[in-house]
N, C-alpha and C. Protein backbone atom coordinates (compact mmCIF):
# COMPACT_ATOMS: atom_id res chain seq x y z
N MET A 1 48.79 2.28 -51.99
CA MET A 1 48.63 1.97 -50.58
C MET A 1 49.49 0.76 -50.23
N ILE A 2 50.05 0.80 -49.03
CA ILE A 2 50.81 -0.34 -48.53
C ILE A 2 50.22 -0.78 -47.21
N ASN A 3 50.50 -2.03 -46.86
CA ASN A 3 49.98 -2.53 -45.59
C ASN A 3 51.04 -2.37 -44.49
N GLU A 4 50.68 -2.72 -43.28
CA GLU A 4 51.58 -2.54 -42.13
C GLU A 4 52.85 -3.38 -42.28
N HIS A 5 52.72 -4.60 -42.75
CA HIS A 5 53.88 -5.47 -42.98
C HIS A 5 54.86 -4.83 -43.95
N GLN A 6 54.35 -4.27 -45.05
CA GLN A 6 55.21 -3.63 -46.04
C GLN A 6 55.90 -2.40 -45.46
N LEU A 7 55.18 -1.62 -44.68
CA LEU A 7 55.76 -0.44 -44.04
C LEU A 7 56.90 -0.84 -43.11
N ILE A 8 56.69 -1.87 -42.33
CA ILE A 8 57.74 -2.34 -41.41
C ILE A 8 58.97 -2.79 -42.18
N ARG A 9 58.78 -3.50 -43.29
CA ARG A 9 59.91 -3.96 -44.12
C ARG A 9 60.69 -2.77 -44.69
N ILE A 10 59.98 -1.73 -45.13
CA ILE A 10 60.64 -0.53 -45.64
C ILE A 10 61.43 0.15 -44.53
N GLN A 11 60.84 0.28 -43.36
CA GLN A 11 61.53 0.90 -42.23
C GLN A 11 62.78 0.12 -41.85
N GLU A 12 62.69 -1.20 -41.80
CA GLU A 12 63.84 -2.04 -41.48
C GLU A 12 64.96 -1.87 -42.51
N SER A 13 64.58 -1.83 -43.76
CA SER A 13 65.57 -1.66 -44.83
C SER A 13 66.29 -0.33 -44.72
N ILE A 14 65.54 0.74 -44.47
CA ILE A 14 66.14 2.06 -44.33
C ILE A 14 67.10 2.08 -43.14
N LEU A 15 66.68 1.55 -42.02
CA LEU A 15 67.54 1.54 -40.83
C LEU A 15 68.79 0.71 -41.05
N ASN A 16 68.68 -0.33 -41.85
CA ASN A 16 69.83 -1.20 -42.13
C ASN A 16 70.80 -0.56 -43.13
N ASP A 17 70.29 0.25 -44.05
CA ASP A 17 71.10 0.78 -45.14
C ASP A 17 71.80 2.10 -44.84
N PHE A 18 71.37 2.80 -43.80
CA PHE A 18 71.98 4.08 -43.46
C PHE A 18 72.82 3.97 -42.20
N GLN A 19 73.88 4.79 -42.17
CA GLN A 19 74.70 4.87 -40.96
C GLN A 19 73.92 5.69 -39.93
N LEU A 20 73.96 5.24 -38.70
CA LEU A 20 73.23 5.92 -37.63
C LEU A 20 74.17 6.34 -36.52
N LYS A 21 73.91 7.52 -35.96
CA LYS A 21 74.66 7.99 -34.80
C LYS A 21 73.88 7.56 -33.57
N ASN A 22 74.56 6.92 -32.63
CA ASN A 22 73.92 6.44 -31.40
C ASN A 22 72.79 5.46 -31.69
N LYS A 23 72.88 4.74 -32.80
CA LYS A 23 71.91 3.73 -33.22
C LYS A 23 70.50 4.27 -33.44
N LYS A 24 70.35 5.61 -33.56
CA LYS A 24 69.01 6.14 -33.75
C LYS A 24 68.92 7.40 -34.61
N GLU A 25 70.04 8.09 -34.84
CA GLU A 25 69.99 9.35 -35.59
C GLU A 25 70.68 9.20 -36.94
N PHE A 26 70.00 9.61 -38.00
CA PHE A 26 70.63 9.62 -39.32
C PHE A 26 71.71 10.70 -39.33
N ILE A 27 72.78 10.46 -40.09
CA ILE A 27 73.90 11.39 -40.13
C ILE A 27 73.79 12.25 -41.40
N LEU A 28 73.48 13.51 -41.21
CA LEU A 28 73.33 14.46 -42.31
C LEU A 28 74.68 14.77 -42.95
N ILE A 29 74.72 14.81 -44.27
CA ILE A 29 75.92 15.26 -44.98
C ILE A 29 75.72 16.75 -45.23
N GLU A 30 76.39 17.56 -44.48
CA GLU A 30 76.23 19.02 -44.54
C GLU A 30 76.66 19.57 -45.90
N GLY A 31 75.90 20.52 -46.41
CA GLY A 31 76.29 21.24 -47.62
C GLY A 31 75.93 20.56 -48.93
N TYR A 32 75.24 19.42 -48.88
CA TYR A 32 74.86 18.73 -50.10
C TYR A 32 73.35 18.58 -50.17
N SER A 33 72.77 19.06 -51.26
CA SER A 33 71.34 18.89 -51.52
C SER A 33 71.04 19.40 -52.92
N TYR A 34 69.86 19.08 -53.39
CA TYR A 34 69.40 19.61 -54.68
C TYR A 34 68.66 20.93 -54.48
N GLY A 35 68.24 21.21 -53.27
CA GLY A 35 67.49 22.41 -52.97
C GLY A 35 67.18 22.49 -51.49
N SER A 36 66.31 23.40 -51.12
CA SER A 36 66.02 23.61 -49.70
C SER A 36 65.10 22.56 -49.09
N ASN A 37 64.52 21.68 -49.91
CA ASN A 37 63.57 20.69 -49.39
C ASN A 37 64.10 19.27 -49.39
N ASP A 38 65.41 19.08 -49.48
CA ASP A 38 65.95 17.74 -49.43
C ASP A 38 67.30 17.74 -48.75
N ALA A 39 67.84 16.56 -48.54
CA ALA A 39 69.13 16.42 -47.86
C ALA A 39 69.75 15.08 -48.23
N PHE A 40 71.04 14.96 -47.99
CA PHE A 40 71.74 13.70 -48.17
C PHE A 40 72.22 13.21 -46.81
N TYR A 41 72.20 11.87 -46.64
CA TYR A 41 72.59 11.27 -45.37
C TYR A 41 73.62 10.18 -45.64
N GLU A 42 74.47 9.93 -44.64
CA GLU A 42 75.50 8.89 -44.75
C GLU A 42 74.82 7.52 -44.84
N ALA A 43 75.27 6.75 -45.81
CA ALA A 43 74.72 5.41 -45.99
C ALA A 43 75.84 4.38 -45.96
N LYS A 44 75.46 3.13 -45.90
CA LYS A 44 76.42 2.03 -46.00
C LYS A 44 76.57 1.70 -47.48
N GLY A 45 77.75 1.29 -47.90
CA GLY A 45 77.95 0.92 -49.29
C GLY A 45 78.46 2.09 -50.11
N SER A 46 78.31 1.97 -51.42
CA SER A 46 78.83 2.99 -52.32
C SER A 46 77.84 3.26 -53.45
N PHE A 47 78.09 4.33 -54.16
CA PHE A 47 77.25 4.79 -55.26
C PHE A 47 78.02 4.58 -56.57
N SER A 48 77.31 4.20 -57.62
CA SER A 48 77.92 4.11 -58.95
C SER A 48 76.82 4.26 -59.99
N CYS A 49 77.19 4.24 -61.27
CA CYS A 49 76.16 4.35 -62.30
C CYS A 49 75.27 3.10 -62.33
N PHE A 50 75.71 2.02 -61.69
CA PHE A 50 74.92 0.80 -61.62
C PHE A 50 74.14 0.69 -60.31
N LYS A 51 74.55 1.46 -59.32
CA LYS A 51 73.88 1.46 -58.01
C LYS A 51 73.52 2.90 -57.66
N THR A 52 72.35 3.31 -58.14
CA THR A 52 71.89 4.68 -57.96
C THR A 52 70.84 4.75 -56.85
N CYS A 53 70.38 5.95 -56.57
CA CYS A 53 69.30 6.10 -55.59
C CYS A 53 68.04 5.37 -56.07
N ASN A 54 67.87 5.30 -57.39
CA ASN A 54 66.70 4.61 -57.93
C ASN A 54 66.82 3.09 -57.80
N THR A 55 68.01 2.53 -57.97
CA THR A 55 68.16 1.09 -57.77
C THR A 55 67.98 0.76 -56.29
N TRP A 56 68.45 1.65 -55.41
CA TRP A 56 68.25 1.44 -53.96
C TRP A 56 66.76 1.46 -53.63
N THR A 57 66.04 2.45 -54.15
CA THR A 57 64.59 2.53 -53.90
C THR A 57 63.88 1.30 -54.43
N ASN A 58 64.24 0.87 -55.62
CA ASN A 58 63.65 -0.32 -56.23
C ASN A 58 63.88 -1.55 -55.35
N GLN A 59 65.11 -1.73 -54.86
CA GLN A 59 65.43 -2.87 -54.00
C GLN A 59 64.68 -2.80 -52.68
N THR A 60 64.55 -1.60 -52.14
CA THR A 60 63.83 -1.43 -50.87
C THR A 60 62.36 -1.81 -51.04
N LEU A 61 61.75 -1.40 -52.13
CA LEU A 61 60.36 -1.78 -52.39
C LEU A 61 60.21 -3.28 -52.59
N LYS A 62 61.19 -3.90 -53.25
CA LYS A 62 61.16 -5.36 -53.43
C LYS A 62 61.20 -6.08 -52.08
N LYS A 63 62.03 -5.59 -51.17
CA LYS A 63 62.13 -6.19 -49.84
C LYS A 63 60.78 -6.12 -49.11
N ALA A 64 59.98 -5.13 -49.46
CA ALA A 64 58.66 -4.97 -48.85
C ALA A 64 57.58 -5.69 -49.65
N GLU A 65 58.00 -6.49 -50.64
CA GLU A 65 57.08 -7.26 -51.47
C GLU A 65 56.11 -6.38 -52.24
N ILE A 66 56.64 -5.23 -52.73
CA ILE A 66 55.88 -4.32 -53.56
C ILE A 66 56.38 -4.49 -54.99
N LYS A 67 55.46 -4.57 -55.94
CA LYS A 67 55.83 -4.80 -57.33
C LYS A 67 56.69 -3.66 -57.86
N THR A 68 57.83 -4.02 -58.45
CA THR A 68 58.78 -3.04 -58.99
C THR A 68 59.42 -3.60 -60.24
N ALA A 69 60.32 -2.81 -60.81
CA ALA A 69 61.07 -3.24 -61.99
C ALA A 69 62.11 -4.29 -61.60
N ILE A 70 62.59 -5.03 -62.58
CA ILE A 70 63.67 -6.00 -62.31
C ILE A 70 64.91 -5.26 -61.85
N TRP A 71 65.26 -4.19 -62.56
CA TRP A 71 66.40 -3.34 -62.23
C TRP A 71 66.16 -2.00 -62.90
N THR A 72 66.47 -0.92 -62.22
CA THR A 72 66.27 0.39 -62.84
C THR A 72 67.22 1.43 -62.28
N PRO A 73 68.06 2.00 -63.14
CA PRO A 73 68.89 3.11 -62.70
C PRO A 73 68.14 4.44 -62.73
N PHE A 74 66.92 4.43 -63.32
CA PHE A 74 66.13 5.65 -63.47
C PHE A 74 64.79 5.52 -62.76
N ASP A 75 64.19 6.64 -62.41
CA ASP A 75 62.93 6.63 -61.69
C ASP A 75 61.76 6.07 -62.50
N SER A 76 61.84 6.11 -63.81
CA SER A 76 60.73 5.63 -64.64
C SER A 76 60.42 4.16 -64.40
N GLY A 77 61.44 3.36 -64.11
CA GLY A 77 61.24 1.94 -63.83
C GLY A 77 60.47 1.70 -62.54
N ILE A 78 60.54 2.64 -61.63
CA ILE A 78 59.80 2.55 -60.36
C ILE A 78 58.40 3.12 -60.54
N LEU A 79 58.32 4.29 -61.13
CA LEU A 79 57.05 5.01 -61.21
C LEU A 79 56.03 4.33 -62.11
N LYS A 80 56.46 3.57 -63.10
CA LYS A 80 55.49 2.93 -63.98
C LYS A 80 54.73 1.81 -63.28
N HIS A 81 55.20 1.36 -62.13
CA HIS A 81 54.51 0.31 -61.37
C HIS A 81 53.54 0.86 -60.34
N LEU A 82 53.51 2.18 -60.18
CA LEU A 82 52.61 2.78 -59.19
C LEU A 82 51.19 2.83 -59.68
């Protein structure tokens, strides 16, 4: 469970980290996904083996003052704190 303050911090982080069309719409990357239930969106910055979706998630949770790993390129570092 998270509180309202933590939710607001997560929302702010997401809005800051993704490119937005007209300052309100996420920009879908057409033709890229792992399956029919997910999607990729344009973000600010770049991806590397040191900056993965898991390190981004970990940093976003830290910004919301939620306990996380020091650094994690894999989901296990995030999930073990749940």
